[in-house]
Protein backbone atom coordinates (compact mmCIF):
# COMPACT_ATOMS: atom_id res chain seq x y z
CA UNK A 1 11.51 -100.53 -83.65
CA UNK A 2 8.39 -101.20 -81.55
CA UNK A 3 4.94 -101.21 -83.09
CA UNK A 4 2.44 -98.52 -82.07
CA UNK A 5 0.77 -100.78 -79.53
CA UNK A 6 4.12 -102.01 -78.16
CA UNK A 7 5.34 -98.41 -77.88
CA UNK A 8 2.32 -97.42 -75.85
CA UNK A 9 2.83 -100.21 -73.32
CA UNK A 10 6.53 -99.55 -73.02
CA UNK A 11 5.95 -95.86 -72.44
CA UNK A 12 3.49 -96.44 -69.60
CA UNK A 13 5.85 -98.84 -67.90
CA UNK A 14 8.63 -96.32 -68.16
CA UNK A 15 6.47 -93.72 -66.42
CA UNK A 16 6.06 -96.11 -63.51
CA UNK A 17 9.78 -96.49 -62.82
CA UNK A 18 11.37 -94.65 -59.92
CA UNK A 19 14.51 -94.01 -61.92
CA UNK A 20 14.60 -91.91 -65.08
CA UNK A 21 13.79 -94.00 -68.13
CA UNK A 22 14.82 -92.42 -71.42
CA UNK A 23 13.14 -93.69 -74.57
CA UNK A 24 14.44 -92.61 -77.93
CA UNK A 25 12.09 -94.29 -80.37
CA UNK A 26 9.55 -91.60 -81.21
CA UNK A 27 9.30 -87.98 -82.20
CA UNK A 28 8.80 -86.72 -78.64
CA UNK A 29 11.91 -88.27 -77.09
CA UNK A 30 13.19 -85.15 -75.33
CA UNK A 31 9.75 -84.32 -73.95
CA UNK A 32 9.43 -87.82 -72.53
CA UNK A 33 12.77 -87.49 -70.75
CA UNK A 34 11.74 -84.20 -69.13
CA UNK A 35 8.39 -85.64 -68.08
CA UNK A 36 10.09 -88.63 -66.47
CA UNK A 37 12.20 -86.23 -64.46
CA UNK A 38 8.99 -84.38 -63.47
CA UNK A 39 7.60 -87.56 -61.92
CA UNK A 40 10.65 -87.90 -59.70
CA UNK A 41 10.25 -84.37 -58.38
CA UNK A 42 6.46 -83.98 -58.52
CA UNK A 43 6.12 -82.85 -54.94
CA UNK A 44 8.26 -79.77 -55.54
CA UNK A 45 6.55 -78.64 -58.74
CA UNK A 46 4.32 -75.64 -59.28
CA UNK A 47 0.60 -76.03 -58.82
CA UNK A 48 -1.48 -76.92 -61.85
CA UNK A 49 -4.62 -79.05 -61.62
CA UNK A 50 -3.72 -82.62 -60.62
CA UNK A 51 -0.27 -82.19 -62.12
CA UNK A 52 0.57 -83.86 -65.41
CA UNK A 53 0.35 -87.35 -63.92
CA UNK A 54 -3.23 -86.83 -62.76
CA UNK A 55 -4.37 -85.58 -66.15
CA UNK A 56 -2.75 -88.60 -67.83
CA UNK A 57 -4.45 -91.00 -65.43
CA UNK A 58 -7.87 -89.47 -66.06
CA UNK A 59 -7.48 -89.59 -69.82
CA UNK A 60 -6.14 -93.14 -69.77
CA UNK A 61 -9.14 -94.28 -67.71
CA UNK A 62 -11.46 -92.51 -70.16
CA UNK A 63 -9.76 -94.09 -73.16
CA UNK A 64 -10.04 -97.58 -71.70
CA UNK A 65 -13.72 -97.10 -70.81
CA UNK A 66 -14.73 -95.65 -74.18
CA UNK A 67 -16.34 -97.66 -76.96
CA UNK A 68 -14.29 -99.29 -79.74
CA UNK A 69 -15.63 -96.71 -82.21
CA UNK A 70 -14.54 -93.87 -79.95
CA UNK A 71 -11.10 -95.40 -79.41
CA UNK A 72 -10.64 -95.67 -83.16
CA UNK A 73 -11.56 -92.01 -83.71
CA UNK A 74 -9.30 -90.83 -80.89
CA UNK A 75 -6.42 -92.81 -82.36
CA UNK A 76 -7.08 -91.44 -85.83
CA UNK A 77 -6.99 -87.86 -84.57
CA UNK A 78 -3.90 -88.37 -82.41
CA UNK A 79 -2.07 -89.82 -85.43
CA UNK A 80 -2.12 -86.39 -87.05
CA UNK A 81 -0.80 -84.57 -83.99
CA UNK A 82 2.65 -83.07 -84.42
CA UNK A 83 3.59 -83.29 -80.74
CA UNK A 84 1.87 -86.20 -79.00
CA UNK A 85 1.66 -89.89 -79.84
CA UNK A 86 -0.90 -90.92 -77.23
CA UNK A 87 -4.18 -89.49 -75.97
CA UNK A 88 -3.24 -89.58 -72.29
CA UNK A 89 -0.12 -87.51 -73.01
CA UNK A 90 -2.07 -84.98 -75.04
CA UNK A 91 -4.27 -84.08 -72.07
CA UNK A 92 -1.45 -82.04 -70.50
CA UNK A 93 -1.20 -79.80 -73.59
CA UNK A 94 -3.21 -76.82 -72.20
CA UNK A 95 -0.67 -76.52 -69.36
CA UNK A 96 2.46 -76.52 -71.56
CA UNK A 97 2.42 -73.62 -72.01
CA UNK A 98 -0.62 -72.41 -70.09
CA UNK A 99 -3.33 -71.79 -72.68
CA UNK A 100 -6.77 -70.16 -72.30
CA UNK A 101 -6.07 -69.33 -68.66
CA UNK A 102 -9.65 -68.50 -67.60
CA UNK A 103 -10.92 -71.88 -68.83
CA UNK A 104 -8.89 -73.84 -66.27
CA UNK A 105 -11.09 -72.90 -63.31
CA UNK A 106 -14.43 -71.59 -62.05
CA UNK A 107 -14.42 -68.68 -59.63
CA UNK A 108 -17.40 -68.10 -57.34
CA UNK A 109 -18.32 -65.43 -54.77
CA UNK A 110 -17.56 -66.30 -51.16
CA UNK A 111 -21.29 -66.12 -50.44
CA UNK A 112 -22.11 -68.67 -53.15
CA UNK A 113 -23.83 -72.00 -52.48
CA UNK A 114 -22.88 -73.20 -55.95
CA UNK A 115 -23.29 -72.48 -59.64
CA UNK A 116 -26.89 -71.62 -60.56
CA UNK A 117 -28.95 -73.85 -62.79
CA UNK A 118 -28.42 -71.61 -65.83
CA UNK A 119 -24.83 -72.90 -65.90
CA UNK A 120 -23.28 -69.50 -66.55
CA UNK A 121 -19.81 -68.72 -65.24
CA UNK A 122 -20.45 -66.77 -62.01
CA UNK A 123 -17.70 -64.17 -62.23
CA UNK A 124 -16.41 -64.30 -65.81
CA UNK A 125 -17.53 -64.67 -69.40
CA UNK A 126 -15.67 -67.98 -69.77
CA UNK A 127 -14.69 -70.78 -67.38
CA UNK A 128 -14.31 -74.56 -67.39
CA UNK A 129 -18.04 -75.03 -67.93
CA UNK A 130 -18.16 -72.98 -71.12
CA UNK A 131 -14.89 -74.56 -72.26
CA UNK A 132 -16.37 -78.06 -72.05
CA UNK A 133 -19.43 -76.91 -74.01
CA UNK A 134 -17.20 -75.39 -76.68
CA UNK A 135 -15.10 -78.53 -77.19
CA UNK A 136 -18.16 -80.79 -77.28
CA UNK A 137 -19.73 -78.63 -79.99
CA UNK A 138 -16.59 -78.90 -82.13
CA UNK A 139 -16.16 -82.65 -81.60
CA UNK A 140 -19.82 -83.39 -82.30
CA UNK A 141 -20.01 -81.39 -85.54
CA UNK A 142 -19.48 -83.07 -88.90
CA UNK A 143 -18.48 -79.65 -90.23
CA UNK A 144 -15.42 -79.41 -87.94
CA UNK A 145 -12.03 -80.01 -89.50
CA UNK A 146 -9.76 -82.74 -88.18
CA UNK A 147 -7.35 -80.08 -86.93
CA UNK A 148 -10.11 -78.41 -84.91
CA UNK A 149 -11.35 -81.74 -83.59
CA UNK A 150 -7.85 -82.69 -82.52
CA UNK A 151 -7.40 -79.45 -80.58
CA UNK A 152 -10.81 -79.86 -78.92
CA UNK A 153 -10.03 -83.47 -78.03
CA UNK A 154 -6.89 -82.38 -76.16
CA UNK A 155 -8.66 -79.46 -74.51
CA UNK A 156 -11.68 -81.53 -73.45
CA UNK A 157 -9.54 -84.16 -71.74
CA UNK A 158 -7.85 -81.41 -69.75
CA UNK A 159 -11.00 -79.45 -68.84
CA UNK A 160 -12.77 -82.52 -67.47
CA UNK A 161 -9.78 -83.10 -65.22
CA UNK A 162 -9.78 -79.50 -64.07
CA UNK A 163 -13.48 -79.39 -63.19
CA UNK A 164 -13.01 -82.35 -60.83
CA UNK A 165 -10.10 -80.77 -58.92
CA UNK A 166 -11.69 -79.14 -55.85
CA UNK A 167 -9.47 -76.08 -55.74
CA UNK A 168 -10.24 -75.25 -59.37
CA UNK A 169 -13.85 -74.53 -58.40
CA UNK A 170 -13.16 -71.99 -55.69
CA UNK A 171 -12.50 -68.33 -54.89
CA UNK A 172 -10.37 -65.88 -56.85
CA UNK A 173 -8.93 -63.78 -54.01
CA UNK A 174 -6.81 -66.64 -52.62
CA UNK A 175 -5.97 -68.00 -56.08
CA UNK A 176 -7.67 -71.32 -55.48
CA UNK A 177 -5.74 -72.02 -52.31
CA UNK A 178 -2.32 -71.00 -53.62
CA UNK A 179 -2.23 -68.27 -50.95
CA UNK A 180 -3.27 -70.58 -48.08
CA UNK A 181 -0.28 -71.92 -46.15
CA UNK A 182 -0.06 -75.56 -45.10
CA UNK A 183 1.91 -77.32 -42.38
CA UNK A 184 2.32 -80.94 -41.38
CA UNK A 185 2.68 -83.82 -43.79
CA UNK A 186 2.29 -81.60 -46.86
CA UNK A 187 4.20 -78.35 -47.13
CA UNK A 188 3.90 -75.24 -49.33
CA UNK A 189 0.24 -74.28 -49.97
CA UNK A 190 -3.21 -75.87 -50.06
CA UNK A 191 -3.50 -75.94 -53.84
CA UNK A 192 -0.17 -77.71 -54.15
CA UNK A 193 -1.19 -80.08 -51.36
CA UNK A 194 -4.12 -81.35 -53.43
CA UNK A 195 -2.17 -81.37 -56.70
CA UNK A 196 0.84 -83.30 -55.45
CA UNK A 197 1.02 -84.44 -51.82
CA UNK A 198 -2.51 -85.82 -51.48
CA UNK A 199 -2.27 -87.13 -55.01
CA UNK A 200 0.88 -89.08 -54.17
CA UNK A 201 -0.82 -90.53 -51.09
CA UNK A 202 -3.88 -91.48 -53.15
CA UNK A 203 -2.37 -93.11 -56.23
CA UNK A 204 1.38 -92.53 -56.34
CA UNK A 205 3.27 -91.73 -59.55
CA UNK A 206 3.10 -95.15 -61.23
CA UNK A 207 0.54 -94.47 -63.95
CA UNK A 208 -0.23 -98.08 -64.97
CA UNK A 209 -0.66 -99.14 -61.34
CA UNK A 210 -2.86 -96.13 -60.57
CA UNK A 211 -5.08 -96.69 -63.62
CA UNK A 212 -5.44 -100.39 -62.81
CA UNK A 213 -6.31 -99.70 -59.17
CA UNK A 214 -8.88 -97.01 -59.99
CA UNK A 215 -10.51 -99.08 -62.74
CA UNK A 216 -10.63 -102.24 -60.62
CA UNK A 217 -12.56 -100.48 -57.88
CA UNK A 218 -15.20 -99.11 -60.27
CA UNK A 219 -18.57 -100.84 -60.24
CA UNK A 220 -21.21 -100.83 -63.00
CA UNK A 221 -23.46 -98.85 -60.67
CA UNK A 222 -20.86 -96.15 -60.14
CA UNK A 223 -20.27 -95.80 -63.88
CA UNK A 224 -23.99 -95.59 -64.62
CA UNK A 225 -24.67 -93.09 -61.83
CA UNK A 226 -21.79 -90.79 -62.76
CA UNK A 227 -22.41 -90.90 -66.52
CA UNK A 228 -25.94 -89.49 -66.40
CA UNK A 229 -24.87 -86.26 -64.69
CA UNK A 230 -23.88 -83.00 -66.43
CA UNK A 231 -20.86 -80.68 -66.16
CA UNK A 232 -22.88 -78.28 -64.00
CA UNK A 233 -23.46 -81.12 -61.50
CA UNK A 234 -19.75 -81.97 -61.56
CA UNK A 235 -18.77 -78.38 -60.80
CA UNK A 236 -21.18 -78.18 -57.87
CA UNK A 237 -19.98 -81.53 -56.49
CA UNK A 238 -16.41 -80.26 -56.68
CA UNK A 239 -17.35 -76.96 -55.03
CA UNK A 240 -18.98 -78.86 -52.17
CA UNK A 241 -15.65 -80.60 -51.51
CA UNK A 242 -13.87 -77.26 -51.74
CA UNK A 243 -16.09 -75.72 -49.04
CA UNK A 244 -16.24 -78.80 -46.80
CA UNK A 245 -14.77 -78.21 -43.32
CA UNK A 246 -12.50 -81.22 -43.78
CA UNK A 247 -10.78 -79.52 -46.72
CA UNK A 248 -9.78 -76.53 -44.59
CA UNK A 249 -10.07 -74.15 -47.52
CA UNK A 250 -12.55 -71.74 -45.93
CA UNK A 251 -14.52 -71.18 -42.75
CA UNK A 252 -18.25 -70.50 -42.93
CA UNK A 253 -19.22 -67.25 -41.18
CA UNK A 254 -22.86 -66.30 -41.76
CA UNK A 255 -23.32 -66.29 -45.55
CA UNK A 256 -19.62 -66.07 -46.41
CA UNK A 257 -17.00 -68.83 -46.53
CA UNK A 258 -13.93 -66.87 -45.42
CA UNK A 259 -10.20 -67.47 -45.45
CA UNK A 260 -9.05 -69.71 -42.60
CA UNK A 261 -6.95 -68.25 -39.80
CA UNK A 262 -3.29 -69.27 -39.87
CA UNK A 263 -2.10 -72.40 -41.64
CA UNK A 264 -4.05 -75.52 -42.56
CA UNK A 265 -2.63 -78.55 -40.77
CA UNK A 266 -2.42 -81.60 -42.99
CA UNK A 267 -2.00 -84.56 -40.64
CA UNK A 268 -2.88 -88.24 -40.82
CA UNK A 269 -6.54 -87.48 -40.03
CA UNK A 270 -6.69 -84.98 -42.92
CA UNK A 271 -5.23 -87.57 -45.29
CA UNK A 272 -7.58 -90.28 -44.06
CA UNK A 273 -10.62 -88.14 -44.90
CA UNK A 274 -9.48 -86.55 -48.15
CA UNK A 275 -7.42 -89.21 -49.93
CA UNK A 276 -10.51 -91.37 -50.69
CA UNK A 277 -12.31 -88.26 -51.98
CA UNK A 278 -9.43 -87.49 -54.30
CA UNK A 279 -9.39 -91.05 -55.66
CA UNK A 280 -13.12 -90.83 -56.33
CA UNK A 281 -12.72 -87.50 -58.14
CA UNK A 282 -10.17 -89.12 -60.46
CA UNK A 283 -12.55 -92.00 -61.12
CA UNK A 284 -15.50 -89.70 -61.75
CA UNK A 285 -13.45 -87.61 -64.17
CA UNK A 286 -12.39 -90.68 -66.15
CA UNK A 287 -15.90 -92.14 -66.33
CA UNK A 288 -17.48 -88.84 -67.30
CA UNK A 289 -14.85 -88.02 -69.90
CA UNK A 290 -15.41 -91.44 -71.48
CA UNK A 291 -19.14 -90.69 -71.66
CA UNK A 292 -18.54 -87.30 -73.32
CA UNK A 293 -16.13 -88.82 -75.83
CA UNK A 294 -18.58 -91.60 -76.69
CA UNK A 295 -21.32 -89.01 -77.14
CA UNK A 296 -19.25 -86.85 -79.46
CA UNK A 297 -17.08 -89.39 -81.31
CA UNK A 298 -18.66 -92.82 -80.99
CA UNK A 299 -21.20 -92.35 -83.76
């Protein structure tokens, strides 16, 4: 029977295989098998932010960048979880099943230039911004129970991933790009294109290799610059990518960014522009999540 540290390494290597690797040495054996199958067929899955692989990569980067004290507290909380053995796995929890639906995205008016400085959700009472605030309050409070902290830990990891996915800070009437057709190198719709096709082009499905590549290209200056910003800044950065002409999500007409005509063509030029942006969004999410976790748990 592997030790906890050996199990973690073995699991990550199994995720990187192209064939299905079935591991039967922990309490989530069936879930692991199904998730391995998901990796093989990621490009045909339904659209959720980044897909499970992206959320795992972000949370693994954050875990590795966090302080020793924070790592110890994360591990202590995950030990009491009934479903997950590892933090990076737990970050997919809000999608299985979909929980707190309105907290997964931020909807804005088509005439919006971004979220105002008051940080309020533009079109709803709750959104990813308020969700991050809620989890940080729970994690930072000495009065919170371990059960509540565990839930907020899993939610926070997911929300920070969501707020960095461009089509999760977008417009409601096209369902964040789910209703925008795509042709070319990525099929289905624009939301799915960013969740799966662009993601595969950016980092692939080998989690250890993706984490290593993204961490190796981080510089101290990048980590310092990204860590001092706030969730409101992150949301507006993401929205800027959403509205950028190169994304093809909307077309600026006077004060309104309207639906594009016809399909969005995803060709080699589209990939060349947007794949580096996607990689950077994953890096930013990991760095910023690590900073939040250190702030709340590394005391």
